[in-house]
N, C-alpha and C. Protein backbone atom coordinates (compact mmCIF):
# COMPACT_ATOMS: atom_id res chain seq x y z
N MET A 1 177.98 149.13 206.01
CA MET A 1 178.89 150.25 205.89
C MET A 1 178.35 151.42 206.69
N LYS A 2 179.19 152.02 207.49
CA LYS A 2 178.77 153.15 208.28
C LYS A 2 179.66 154.35 207.96
N PHE A 3 179.05 155.41 207.54
CA PHE A 3 179.80 156.64 207.33
C PHE A 3 178.82 157.80 207.38
N LEU A 4 179.33 158.98 207.68
CA LEU A 4 178.51 160.17 207.72
C LEU A 4 178.61 160.85 206.37
N GLN A 5 177.50 160.95 205.69
CA GLN A 5 177.49 161.57 204.37
C GLN A 5 177.46 163.09 204.53
N ALA A 6 178.34 163.77 203.85
CA ALA A 6 178.41 165.23 203.95
C ALA A 6 177.14 165.84 203.41
N LEU A 7 176.69 166.89 204.08
CA LEU A 7 175.53 167.63 203.61
C LEU A 7 175.96 168.48 202.42
N PHE A 8 175.31 168.29 201.28
CA PHE A 8 175.66 169.09 200.13
C PHE A 8 174.45 169.25 199.23
N ILE A 9 174.51 170.27 198.37
CA ILE A 9 173.51 170.49 197.35
C ILE A 9 174.18 170.30 196.01
N LEU A 10 173.61 169.47 195.16
CA LEU A 10 174.11 169.31 193.80
C LEU A 10 173.08 169.92 192.86
N PHE A 11 173.48 170.98 192.17
CA PHE A 11 172.59 171.59 191.21
C PHE A 11 172.46 170.72 189.97
N ALA A 12 173.47 169.89 189.70
CA ALA A 12 173.42 169.00 188.55
C ALA A 12 173.80 167.61 189.01
N VAL A 13 172.97 166.64 188.68
CA VAL A 13 173.24 165.26 189.07
C VAL A 13 174.26 164.67 188.12
N ASN A 14 175.33 164.11 188.69
CA ASN A 14 176.42 163.61 187.86
C ASN A 14 175.95 162.65 186.78
N ALA A 15 175.02 161.77 187.12
CA ALA A 15 174.63 160.72 186.20
C ALA A 15 173.93 161.26 184.97
N THR A 16 173.33 162.46 185.04
CA THR A 16 172.57 162.96 183.92
C THR A 16 173.18 164.21 183.30
N ALA A 17 174.25 164.71 183.87
CA ALA A 17 174.86 165.92 183.34
C ALA A 17 175.39 165.65 181.93
N GLN A 18 175.13 166.58 181.00
CA GLN A 18 175.48 166.36 179.62
C GLN A 18 176.62 167.24 179.14
N SER A 19 177.08 168.20 179.93
CA SER A 19 178.17 169.06 179.49
C SER A 19 179.47 168.27 179.47
N GLU A 20 180.45 168.78 178.75
CA GLU A 20 181.72 168.09 178.65
C GLU A 20 182.40 168.01 180.01
N LEU A 21 183.21 166.98 180.20
CA LEU A 21 183.88 166.79 181.48
C LEU A 21 185.04 167.75 181.66
N GLY A 22 185.62 168.23 180.56
CA GLY A 22 186.70 169.19 180.66
C GLY A 22 188.02 168.54 181.06
N ILE A 23 188.96 169.37 181.49
CA ILE A 23 190.30 168.90 181.80
C ILE A 23 190.49 168.59 183.28
N GLY A 24 189.50 168.91 184.08
CA GLY A 24 189.63 168.65 185.51
C GLY A 24 188.57 169.38 186.32
N ILE A 25 188.90 169.63 187.57
CA ILE A 25 187.95 170.22 188.51
C ILE A 25 188.57 171.44 189.18
N ALA A 26 187.78 172.51 189.25
CA ALA A 26 188.18 173.72 189.97
C ALA A 26 187.32 173.84 191.22
N THR A 27 187.96 173.89 192.37
CA THR A 27 187.25 174.01 193.64
C THR A 27 187.47 175.41 194.20
N ILE A 28 186.37 176.12 194.45
CA ILE A 28 186.43 177.48 194.97
C ILE A 28 186.14 177.42 196.47
N LYS A 29 187.07 177.91 197.26
CA LYS A 29 186.87 178.00 198.70
C LYS A 29 186.40 179.42 199.02
N TYR A 30 185.27 179.52 199.73
CA TYR A 30 184.69 180.84 199.97
C TYR A 30 184.43 181.06 201.45
N THR A 31 184.23 182.32 201.80
CA THR A 31 183.86 182.72 203.16
C THR A 31 182.60 183.57 203.08
N GLY A 32 182.19 184.09 204.23
CA GLY A 32 180.97 184.88 204.27
C GLY A 32 181.06 186.24 203.62
N ASN A 33 182.25 186.64 203.21
CA ASN A 33 182.38 187.92 202.51
C ASN A 33 183.08 187.78 201.16
N SER A 34 183.10 186.57 200.61
CA SER A 34 183.75 186.33 199.32
C SER A 34 182.90 186.86 198.17
N VAL A 35 183.59 187.26 197.12
CA VAL A 35 182.94 187.67 195.87
C VAL A 35 183.65 186.94 194.73
N LEU A 36 182.88 186.24 193.90
CA LEU A 36 183.44 185.52 192.76
C LEU A 36 182.98 186.20 191.48
N ASN A 37 183.93 186.78 190.76
CA ASN A 37 183.63 187.43 189.49
C ASN A 37 183.83 186.44 188.35
N LEU A 38 182.86 186.38 187.46
CA LEU A 38 182.92 185.47 186.31
C LEU A 38 182.86 186.31 185.04
N TYR A 39 183.81 186.05 184.14
CA TYR A 39 183.99 186.87 182.95
C TYR A 39 183.65 186.08 181.68
N ALA A 40 183.14 186.80 180.67
CA ALA A 40 182.79 186.15 179.41
C ALA A 40 184.03 185.66 178.68
N ALA A 41 185.15 186.35 178.86
CA ALA A 41 186.40 185.96 178.22
C ALA A 41 187.56 186.29 179.16
N ALA A 42 188.64 185.55 179.01
CA ALA A 42 189.84 185.84 179.80
C ALA A 42 190.32 187.25 179.49
N TYR A 43 190.78 187.93 180.52
CA TYR A 43 191.33 189.28 180.43
C TYR A 43 190.27 190.36 180.23
N ASP A 44 188.98 189.99 180.25
CA ASP A 44 187.94 191.02 180.28
C ASP A 44 188.07 191.83 181.57
N LYS A 45 187.68 193.09 181.51
CA LYS A 45 187.78 193.95 182.69
C LYS A 45 186.51 193.96 183.51
N GLU A 46 185.36 193.75 182.86
CA GLU A 46 184.09 193.76 183.56
C GLU A 46 183.50 192.35 183.62
N PRO A 47 183.09 191.89 184.80
CA PRO A 47 182.51 190.54 184.90
C PRO A 47 181.14 190.46 184.26
N LYS A 48 180.83 189.28 183.75
CA LYS A 48 179.51 189.02 183.17
C LYS A 48 178.51 188.64 184.25
N GLN A 49 178.97 187.88 185.24
CA GLN A 49 178.16 187.48 186.38
C GLN A 49 178.99 187.64 187.65
N ILE A 50 178.30 187.86 188.76
CA ILE A 50 178.97 187.99 190.05
C ILE A 50 178.24 187.13 191.08
N ILE A 51 178.98 186.32 191.81
CA ILE A 51 178.42 185.55 192.92
C ILE A 51 178.91 186.18 194.21
N GLN A 52 177.98 186.67 195.01
CA GLN A 52 178.32 187.29 196.29
C GLN A 52 177.88 186.38 197.43
N PHE A 53 178.76 186.17 198.37
CA PHE A 53 178.45 185.35 199.53
C PHE A 53 178.20 186.23 200.74
N TYR A 54 177.43 185.71 201.68
CA TYR A 54 177.19 186.41 202.94
C TYR A 54 177.11 185.39 204.06
N GLN A 55 177.27 185.85 205.27
CA GLN A 55 177.20 184.96 206.42
C GLN A 55 175.75 184.85 206.89
N ASP A 56 175.16 183.68 206.73
CA ASP A 56 173.78 183.45 207.14
C ASP A 56 173.72 183.34 208.66
N GLU A 57 172.99 184.25 209.30
CA GLU A 57 172.92 184.26 210.76
C GLU A 57 172.13 183.08 211.31
N VAL A 58 171.22 182.53 210.51
CA VAL A 58 170.41 181.40 210.96
C VAL A 58 171.23 180.12 210.99
N THR A 59 171.93 179.84 209.88
CA THR A 59 172.71 178.60 209.79
C THR A 59 174.13 178.77 210.33
N GLY A 60 174.59 180.02 210.41
CA GLY A 60 175.94 180.26 210.89
C GLY A 60 177.02 179.95 209.87
N SER A 61 176.63 179.79 208.61
CA SER A 61 177.59 179.45 207.56
C SER A 61 177.36 180.35 206.35
N PRO A 62 178.34 180.46 205.46
CA PRO A 62 178.19 181.30 204.27
C PRO A 62 177.13 180.75 203.32
N ASP A 63 176.49 181.65 202.60
CA ASP A 63 175.52 181.27 201.59
C ASP A 63 175.60 182.27 200.45
N ILE A 64 174.92 181.98 199.34
CA ILE A 64 174.93 182.86 198.18
C ILE A 64 173.81 183.89 198.30
N ARG A 65 174.17 185.14 198.10
CA ARG A 65 173.18 186.21 198.13
C ARG A 65 172.31 186.14 196.86
N ASP A 66 171.03 186.43 197.02
CA ASP A 66 170.08 186.42 195.91
C ASP A 66 170.10 185.06 195.20
N ILE A 67 170.02 183.99 195.99
CA ILE A 67 170.17 182.64 195.46
C ILE A 67 169.12 182.29 194.42
N GLU A 68 167.89 182.83 194.56
CA GLU A 68 166.83 182.51 193.61
C GLU A 68 167.20 182.95 192.20
N SER A 69 167.85 184.10 192.10
CA SER A 69 168.26 184.59 190.78
C SER A 69 169.49 183.85 190.27
N VAL A 70 170.44 183.60 191.16
CA VAL A 70 171.69 182.97 190.76
C VAL A 70 171.47 181.53 190.29
N GLU A 71 170.60 180.79 190.97
CA GLU A 71 170.43 179.38 190.62
C GLU A 71 169.74 179.18 189.28
N LYS A 72 169.25 180.24 188.66
CA LYS A 72 168.67 180.12 187.32
C LYS A 72 169.75 179.83 186.28
N TRP A 73 170.96 180.32 186.54
CA TRP A 73 172.05 180.08 185.58
C TRP A 73 173.19 179.27 186.18
N LEU A 74 173.26 179.17 187.50
CA LEU A 74 174.35 178.45 188.16
C LEU A 74 173.93 177.01 188.48
N LYS A 75 174.47 176.08 187.73
CA LYS A 75 174.22 174.65 187.95
C LYS A 75 175.57 173.93 187.84
N PRO A 76 176.42 174.09 188.86
CA PRO A 76 177.79 173.59 188.79
C PRO A 76 177.89 172.11 189.09
N GLU A 77 179.10 171.62 189.16
CA GLU A 77 179.32 170.22 189.54
C GLU A 77 178.85 169.96 190.95
N GLY A 78 179.06 170.91 191.85
CA GLY A 78 178.61 170.72 193.23
C GLY A 78 178.74 171.99 194.04
N PHE A 79 177.87 172.09 195.05
CA PHE A 79 177.90 173.23 195.99
C PHE A 79 177.83 172.63 197.38
N PHE A 80 178.98 172.55 198.05
CA PHE A 80 179.08 171.85 199.32
C PHE A 80 178.97 172.83 200.47
N LEU A 81 177.77 172.93 201.03
CA LEU A 81 177.47 173.94 202.04
C LEU A 81 178.27 173.76 203.31
N ASP A 82 178.38 172.53 203.78
CA ASP A 82 179.05 172.28 205.05
C ASP A 82 180.55 172.56 205.00
N TYR A 83 181.12 172.59 203.81
CA TYR A 83 182.57 172.72 203.69
C TYR A 83 182.97 173.95 202.87
N ASP A 84 182.01 174.85 202.64
CA ASP A 84 182.29 176.14 202.00
C ASP A 84 183.07 175.97 200.70
N GLN A 85 182.57 175.08 199.84
CA GLN A 85 183.25 174.81 198.57
C GLN A 85 182.24 174.82 197.42
N LEU A 86 182.63 175.48 196.35
CA LEU A 86 181.87 175.50 195.11
C LEU A 86 182.73 174.80 194.07
N VAL A 87 182.18 173.77 193.42
CA VAL A 87 182.97 172.91 192.56
C VAL A 87 182.50 173.03 191.11
N PHE A 88 183.44 173.32 190.21
CA PHE A 88 183.14 173.44 188.78
C PHE A 88 183.98 172.46 187.97
N ARG A 89 183.44 172.05 186.83
CA ARG A 89 184.27 171.39 185.84
C ARG A 89 185.10 172.46 185.13
N CYS A 90 186.36 172.16 184.92
CA CYS A 90 187.27 173.10 184.26
C CYS A 90 187.36 172.75 182.78
N LYS A 91 187.02 173.71 181.93
CA LYS A 91 187.01 173.48 180.49
C LYS A 91 188.38 173.72 179.86
N SER A 92 189.06 174.77 180.31
CA SER A 92 190.39 175.09 179.79
C SER A 92 191.06 176.06 180.76
N GLU A 93 192.33 176.33 180.53
CA GLU A 93 193.04 177.27 181.38
C GLU A 93 194.09 178.03 180.59
N GLU A 94 194.38 179.22 181.07
CA GLU A 94 195.49 180.02 180.58
C GLU A 94 196.38 180.35 181.78
N ARG A 95 197.35 181.19 181.57
CA ARG A 95 198.34 181.43 182.61
C ARG A 95 197.70 181.95 183.91
N PHE A 96 196.82 182.92 183.79
CA PHE A 96 196.22 183.53 184.97
C PHE A 96 194.72 183.27 185.09
N TRP A 97 194.17 182.44 184.19
CA TRP A 97 192.72 182.29 184.11
C TRP A 97 192.32 180.83 184.00
N ILE A 98 191.10 180.53 184.43
CA ILE A 98 190.51 179.21 184.30
C ILE A 98 189.11 179.36 183.72
N GLU A 99 188.80 178.58 182.71
CA GLU A 99 187.45 178.57 182.14
C GLU A 99 186.66 177.46 182.83
N VAL A 100 185.58 177.82 183.51
CA VAL A 100 184.79 176.85 184.26
C VAL A 100 183.39 176.73 183.68
N ILE A 101 182.84 175.54 183.74
CA ILE A 101 181.47 175.30 183.29
C ILE A 101 180.54 175.62 184.44
N VAL A 102 179.75 176.68 184.29
CA VAL A 102 178.87 177.12 185.38
C VAL A 102 177.50 176.46 185.32
N ASN A 103 177.19 175.84 184.18
CA ASN A 103 175.90 175.17 184.03
C ASN A 103 176.13 173.82 183.38
N ASN A 104 176.05 172.76 184.17
CA ASN A 104 176.30 171.41 183.66
C ASN A 104 175.22 170.92 182.71
N GLU A 105 174.07 171.60 182.70
CA GLU A 105 172.99 171.18 181.82
C GLU A 105 173.15 171.77 180.42
N THR A 106 173.61 173.02 180.34
CA THR A 106 173.73 173.69 179.06
C THR A 106 175.17 173.76 178.55
N GLY A 107 176.14 173.57 179.44
CA GLY A 107 177.53 173.69 179.06
C GLY A 107 178.05 175.12 179.07
N GLU A 108 177.24 176.07 179.54
CA GLU A 108 177.66 177.47 179.58
C GLU A 108 178.90 177.61 180.46
N SER A 109 179.84 178.42 180.01
CA SER A 109 181.09 178.58 180.76
C SER A 109 181.47 180.05 180.88
N TYR A 110 182.22 180.35 181.94
CA TYR A 110 182.79 181.67 182.16
C TYR A 110 184.25 181.50 182.59
N TRP A 111 184.94 182.61 182.66
CA TRP A 111 186.33 182.61 183.08
C TRP A 111 186.46 183.21 184.47
N ILE A 112 187.32 182.61 185.30
CA ILE A 112 187.63 183.16 186.61
C ILE A 112 189.15 183.32 186.72
N ARG A 113 189.56 184.24 187.57
CA ARG A 113 190.99 184.44 187.78
C ARG A 113 191.56 183.35 188.70
N LYS A 114 192.80 182.98 188.46
CA LYS A 114 193.49 182.07 189.37
C LYS A 114 193.89 182.83 190.63
N THR A 115 193.40 182.38 191.76
CA THR A 115 193.74 183.00 193.04
C THR A 115 194.05 181.91 194.05
N LYS A 116 194.42 182.31 195.25
CA LYS A 116 194.71 181.35 196.30
C LYS A 116 193.48 180.58 196.75
N SER A 117 192.30 181.12 196.47
CA SER A 117 191.06 180.44 196.88
C SER A 117 190.58 179.43 195.85
N VAL A 118 191.31 179.29 194.74
CA VAL A 118 190.92 178.37 193.66
C VAL A 118 191.92 177.22 193.58
N ASP A 119 191.43 176.00 193.73
CA ASP A 119 192.27 174.80 193.57
C ASP A 119 191.89 174.11 192.27
N LEU A 120 192.87 173.88 191.42
CA LEU A 120 192.64 173.20 190.15
C LEU A 120 193.29 171.83 190.19
N ASP A 121 192.54 170.80 189.81
CA ASP A 121 193.05 169.43 189.86
C ASP A 121 192.55 168.67 188.65
N THR A 122 193.29 167.63 188.26
CA THR A 122 192.81 166.73 187.21
C THR A 122 191.67 165.88 187.78
N TRP A 123 190.91 165.24 186.89
CA TRP A 123 189.87 164.33 187.36
C TRP A 123 190.48 163.20 188.18
N GLU A 124 191.63 162.70 187.75
CA GLU A 124 192.27 161.61 188.49
C GLU A 124 192.64 162.06 189.90
N GLY A 125 193.28 163.21 190.01
CA GLY A 125 193.66 163.71 191.32
C GLY A 125 192.46 164.00 192.20
N PHE A 126 191.42 164.56 191.59
CA PHE A 126 190.20 164.88 192.32
C PHE A 126 189.55 163.62 192.89
N LEU A 127 189.42 162.58 192.05
CA LEU A 127 188.78 161.35 192.51
C LEU A 127 189.65 160.58 193.50
N LYS A 128 190.96 160.66 193.35
CA LYS A 128 191.85 160.01 194.31
C LYS A 128 191.70 160.62 195.70
N ASN A 129 191.38 161.89 195.75
CA ASN A 129 191.24 162.58 197.03
C ASN A 129 189.84 162.46 197.63
N ALA A 130 188.92 161.83 196.90
CA ALA A 130 187.56 161.67 197.40
C ALA A 130 187.54 160.71 198.58
N PHE A 131 186.67 160.96 199.54
CA PHE A 131 186.52 160.08 200.70
C PHE A 131 186.06 158.70 200.27
N MET A 132 185.13 158.66 199.32
CA MET A 132 184.68 157.38 198.77
C MET A 132 183.97 157.62 197.45
N ILE A 133 183.92 156.57 196.63
CA ILE A 133 183.12 156.60 195.41
C ILE A 133 182.28 155.33 195.37
N SER A 134 181.20 155.39 194.59
CA SER A 134 180.34 154.22 194.42
C SER A 134 179.81 154.23 192.99
N ARG A 135 179.38 153.08 192.53
CA ARG A 135 178.74 153.01 191.22
C ARG A 135 177.35 153.60 191.33
N ASN A 136 176.93 154.36 190.32
CA ASN A 136 175.57 154.88 190.35
C ASN A 136 174.63 153.88 189.69
N SER A 137 173.50 154.33 189.22
CA SER A 137 172.48 153.41 188.69
C SER A 137 172.89 152.74 187.39
N PHE A 138 173.95 153.23 186.74
CA PHE A 138 174.41 152.59 185.51
C PHE A 138 174.95 151.20 185.84
N PRO A 139 174.38 150.14 185.25
CA PRO A 139 174.80 148.77 185.63
C PRO A 139 176.18 148.43 185.07
N GLN A 140 177.08 148.07 185.95
CA GLN A 140 178.39 147.62 185.51
C GLN A 140 179.01 146.73 186.57
N GLU A 141 179.86 145.82 186.10
CA GLU A 141 180.53 144.88 186.98
C GLU A 141 181.94 145.37 187.27
N ILE A 142 182.54 144.84 188.32
CA ILE A 142 183.92 145.14 188.66
C ILE A 142 184.82 144.17 187.89
N LYS A 143 185.77 144.69 187.15
CA LYS A 143 186.63 143.89 186.30
C LYS A 143 188.05 143.79 186.87
N ALA A 144 188.74 142.69 186.50
CA ALA A 144 190.11 142.49 186.96
C ALA A 144 191.10 143.38 186.21
N GLN A 145 190.73 143.80 185.01
CA GLN A 145 191.55 144.67 184.18
C GLN A 145 190.64 145.74 183.55
N PRO A 146 191.22 146.85 183.07
CA PRO A 146 190.38 147.92 182.52
C PRO A 146 189.88 147.66 181.11
N ASN A 147 189.08 146.60 180.96
CA ASN A 147 188.40 146.34 179.69
C ASN A 147 187.19 145.46 179.95
N ASP A 148 186.21 145.56 179.07
CA ASP A 148 184.94 144.86 179.28
C ASP A 148 185.06 143.35 179.19
N SER A 149 186.06 142.84 178.49
CA SER A 149 186.21 141.40 178.32
C SER A 149 187.01 140.75 179.45
N ALA A 150 187.51 141.54 180.38
CA ALA A 150 188.30 141.00 181.49
C ALA A 150 187.42 140.22 182.45
N ARG A 151 188.07 139.43 183.29
CA ARG A 151 187.35 138.63 184.27
C ARG A 151 186.58 139.53 185.24
N THR A 152 185.35 139.10 185.54
CA THR A 152 184.52 139.84 186.49
C THR A 152 184.87 139.43 187.92
N ILE A 153 185.06 140.40 188.79
CA ILE A 153 185.34 140.12 190.20
C ILE A 153 184.02 140.09 190.96
N PRO A 154 183.68 138.95 191.57
CA PRO A 154 182.41 138.87 192.30
C PRO A 154 182.41 139.80 193.51
N PHE A 155 181.31 140.51 193.70
CA PHE A 155 181.21 141.43 194.84
C PHE A 155 179.74 141.62 195.18
N ASP A 156 179.38 141.31 196.43
CA ASP A 156 177.99 141.44 196.84
C ASP A 156 177.84 142.41 198.01
N GLY A 157 178.88 143.18 198.28
CA GLY A 157 178.82 144.14 199.38
C GLY A 157 178.25 145.47 198.93
N GLU A 158 178.31 146.43 199.82
CA GLU A 158 177.85 147.78 199.52
C GLU A 158 179.04 148.61 199.05
N ASP A 159 178.85 149.34 197.96
CA ASP A 159 179.95 150.10 197.38
C ASP A 159 180.50 151.13 198.36
N CYS A 160 181.78 151.04 198.63
CA CYS A 160 182.50 152.04 199.42
C CYS A 160 183.95 151.93 198.99
N PHE A 161 184.27 152.59 197.88
CA PHE A 161 185.58 152.41 197.26
C PHE A 161 186.39 153.70 197.29
N GLN A 162 187.68 153.53 197.13
CA GLN A 162 188.59 154.64 196.88
C GLN A 162 189.31 154.37 195.57
N VAL A 163 189.91 155.41 195.02
CA VAL A 163 190.52 155.32 193.70
C VAL A 163 192.04 155.23 193.83
N LYS A 164 192.61 154.21 193.16
CA LYS A 164 194.07 154.02 193.18
C LYS A 164 194.72 154.64 191.96
N SER A 165 194.10 154.49 190.79
CA SER A 165 194.67 155.02 189.55
C SER A 165 193.57 155.17 188.51
N MET A 166 193.92 155.79 187.40
CA MET A 166 192.97 156.00 186.31
C MET A 166 193.63 155.63 184.99
N LYS A 167 192.85 155.03 184.11
CA LYS A 167 193.34 154.69 182.77
C LYS A 167 192.20 154.94 181.79
N GLY A 168 192.20 156.11 181.16
CA GLY A 168 191.14 156.45 180.23
C GLY A 168 189.79 156.55 180.93
N ASP A 169 188.83 155.77 180.46
CA ASP A 169 187.49 155.76 181.04
C ASP A 169 187.39 154.91 182.30
N TRP A 170 188.49 154.28 182.69
CA TRP A 170 188.46 153.33 183.80
C TRP A 170 189.22 153.86 185.02
N ILE A 171 188.75 153.46 186.20
CA ILE A 171 189.49 153.74 187.43
C ILE A 171 189.73 152.43 188.18
N GLN A 172 190.91 152.34 188.77
CA GLN A 172 191.24 151.19 189.62
C GLN A 172 190.79 151.51 191.04
N ILE A 173 190.00 150.62 191.61
CA ILE A 173 189.39 150.88 192.91
C ILE A 173 189.81 149.84 193.94
N PHE A 174 189.62 150.19 195.20
CA PHE A 174 189.80 149.25 196.31
C PHE A 174 188.86 149.68 197.42
N THR A 175 188.53 148.74 198.30
CA THR A 175 187.67 149.05 199.43
C THR A 175 188.45 149.85 200.45
N GLY A 176 187.93 151.03 200.82
CA GLY A 176 188.63 151.90 201.75
C GLY A 176 188.72 151.31 203.14
N SER A 177 189.76 151.68 203.87
CA SER A 177 189.96 151.16 205.23
C SER A 177 188.88 151.64 206.19
N HIS A 178 188.21 152.74 205.85
CA HIS A 178 187.17 153.29 206.72
C HIS A 178 185.81 152.64 206.47
N CYS A 179 185.73 151.74 205.50
CA CYS A 179 184.46 151.12 205.14
C CYS A 179 184.22 149.87 205.99
N ASP A 180 182.99 149.72 206.45
CA ASP A 180 182.59 148.51 207.17
C ASP A 180 182.07 147.51 206.15
N ASP A 181 182.84 146.51 205.85
CA ASP A 181 182.46 145.51 204.85
C ASP A 181 182.61 144.13 205.46
N ASP A 182 181.49 143.51 205.74
CA ASP A 182 181.50 142.17 206.33
C ASP A 182 181.65 141.08 205.27
N GLY A 183 181.62 141.48 204.00
CA GLY A 183 181.71 140.49 202.93
C GLY A 183 183.11 140.35 202.41
N ASN A 184 183.28 140.63 201.13
CA ASN A 184 184.58 140.45 200.51
C ASN A 184 185.10 141.80 200.01
N PRO A 185 185.97 142.44 200.77
CA PRO A 185 186.50 143.73 200.33
C PRO A 185 187.29 143.60 199.03
N ILE A 186 187.20 144.62 198.21
CA ILE A 186 187.93 144.64 196.95
C ILE A 186 189.34 145.17 197.19
N LYS A 187 190.34 144.34 196.88
CA LYS A 187 191.73 144.79 197.01
C LYS A 187 192.19 145.55 195.78
N SER A 188 191.69 145.14 194.62
CA SER A 188 192.00 145.83 193.37
C SER A 188 191.00 145.40 192.31
N GLY A 189 190.36 146.36 191.68
CA GLY A 189 189.41 146.08 190.62
C GLY A 189 189.25 147.33 189.76
N TRP A 190 188.58 147.17 188.63
CA TRP A 190 188.41 148.28 187.70
C TRP A 190 186.94 148.46 187.36
N ILE A 191 186.51 149.71 187.32
CA ILE A 191 185.17 150.06 186.84
C ILE A 191 185.30 151.28 185.93
N ARG A 192 184.30 151.47 185.08
CA ARG A 192 184.27 152.69 184.28
C ARG A 192 183.78 153.85 185.14
N TRP A 193 184.49 154.97 185.07
CA TRP A 193 184.03 156.15 185.79
C TRP A 193 183.27 157.11 184.88
N LYS A 194 183.44 156.91 183.56
CA LYS A 194 182.72 157.76 182.61
C LYS A 194 182.51 157.03 181.30
N GLN A 195 181.55 157.52 180.56
CA GLN A 195 181.32 157.05 179.19
C GLN A 195 180.97 158.29 178.38
N GLU A 196 181.90 158.69 177.52
CA GLU A 196 181.80 159.98 176.84
C GLU A 196 181.69 161.08 177.90
N ASN A 197 180.59 161.85 177.91
CA ASN A 197 180.45 162.93 178.90
C ASN A 197 179.57 162.54 180.08
N GLU A 198 179.23 161.28 180.18
CA GLU A 198 178.38 160.81 181.28
C GLU A 198 179.23 160.20 182.39
N ILE A 199 179.07 160.71 183.60
CA ILE A 199 179.77 160.15 184.76
C ILE A 199 178.99 158.96 185.29
N LEU A 200 179.68 157.84 185.50
CA LEU A 200 179.04 156.59 185.88
C LEU A 200 179.23 156.25 187.35
N ILE A 201 179.74 157.21 188.12
CA ILE A 201 179.96 156.98 189.55
C ILE A 201 179.40 158.15 190.35
N ASP A 202 179.21 157.92 191.63
CA ASP A 202 178.93 158.99 192.58
C ASP A 202 180.17 159.13 193.46
N TYR A 203 180.48 160.35 193.84
CA TYR A 203 181.64 160.56 194.71
C TYR A 203 181.25 161.39 195.92
N PHE A 204 181.95 161.16 197.02
CA PHE A 204 181.72 161.88 198.28
C PHE A 204 183.07 162.43 198.71
N LEU A 205 183.15 163.73 198.91
CA LEU A 205 184.44 164.36 199.18
C LEU A 205 184.89 164.21 200.62
N THR A 206 183.93 164.09 201.54
CA THR A 206 184.28 164.03 202.96
C THR A 206 183.41 163.00 203.66
N SER A 207 183.77 162.67 204.89
CA SER A 207 183.01 161.71 205.68
C SER A 207 181.77 162.36 206.25
C-alpha cells in the first residue's frame, strides 16, 4: 500500500483516550490570526480559555501562541498542522453553541460558538469522509455481518479501508480504490470501531 500520511500531532491517542465519544466531531478551521474563545457555559460573556493562533515565519503555517502553556490543558481529538484543523469530540450542542471535549484524558469540556469556521458532523459522517481507516492494536477480525458470531472474512493484506455505513459499535468497510492491495481487497466487511468509550480504529483524514 502506498499513500502519503498527513503530518499531524495527536495530543490524545485514540486507542487509549478515556473520555466519552460524544455525539460527533467538531472541526475548527483556523488561520494565522484566528482566535478561539472557550466558555465554561453556553451564553457566558467571558471566555474561560482562549486559543490564539499566529503565522509561524519559520514553517510558514499557523501555530498556537504560547503552546507550552496551552498544551497543559488542551488534549483534543487531533491537531492537524498541515491542514489548519483542530478537531474536538462534541459532547452536546444548543442552538448557537457546541460543547467540545478539550481534554480527551480528563473529559474536561468547554463551549464554543457556532461559526462558519466550525464544522459539526456525526461520527458516521466524519469516518465516511476519512481518507482511510485501519484497525489499531486491538485484535479483531473482519466479519461478514455486524456481530461477533458472524462468519470471519479472511484477509492478509495491509489495512487501507474506507467506511460505507455504521451500525452501533460496528462500521461496514471496503478497500479504498486508492489503496495498493496485491492480495484480496475487501468489498464489504464489518469491524468494531468502538467499544464503550474506546476507539478501536485509526483514521487518516487526508492522503
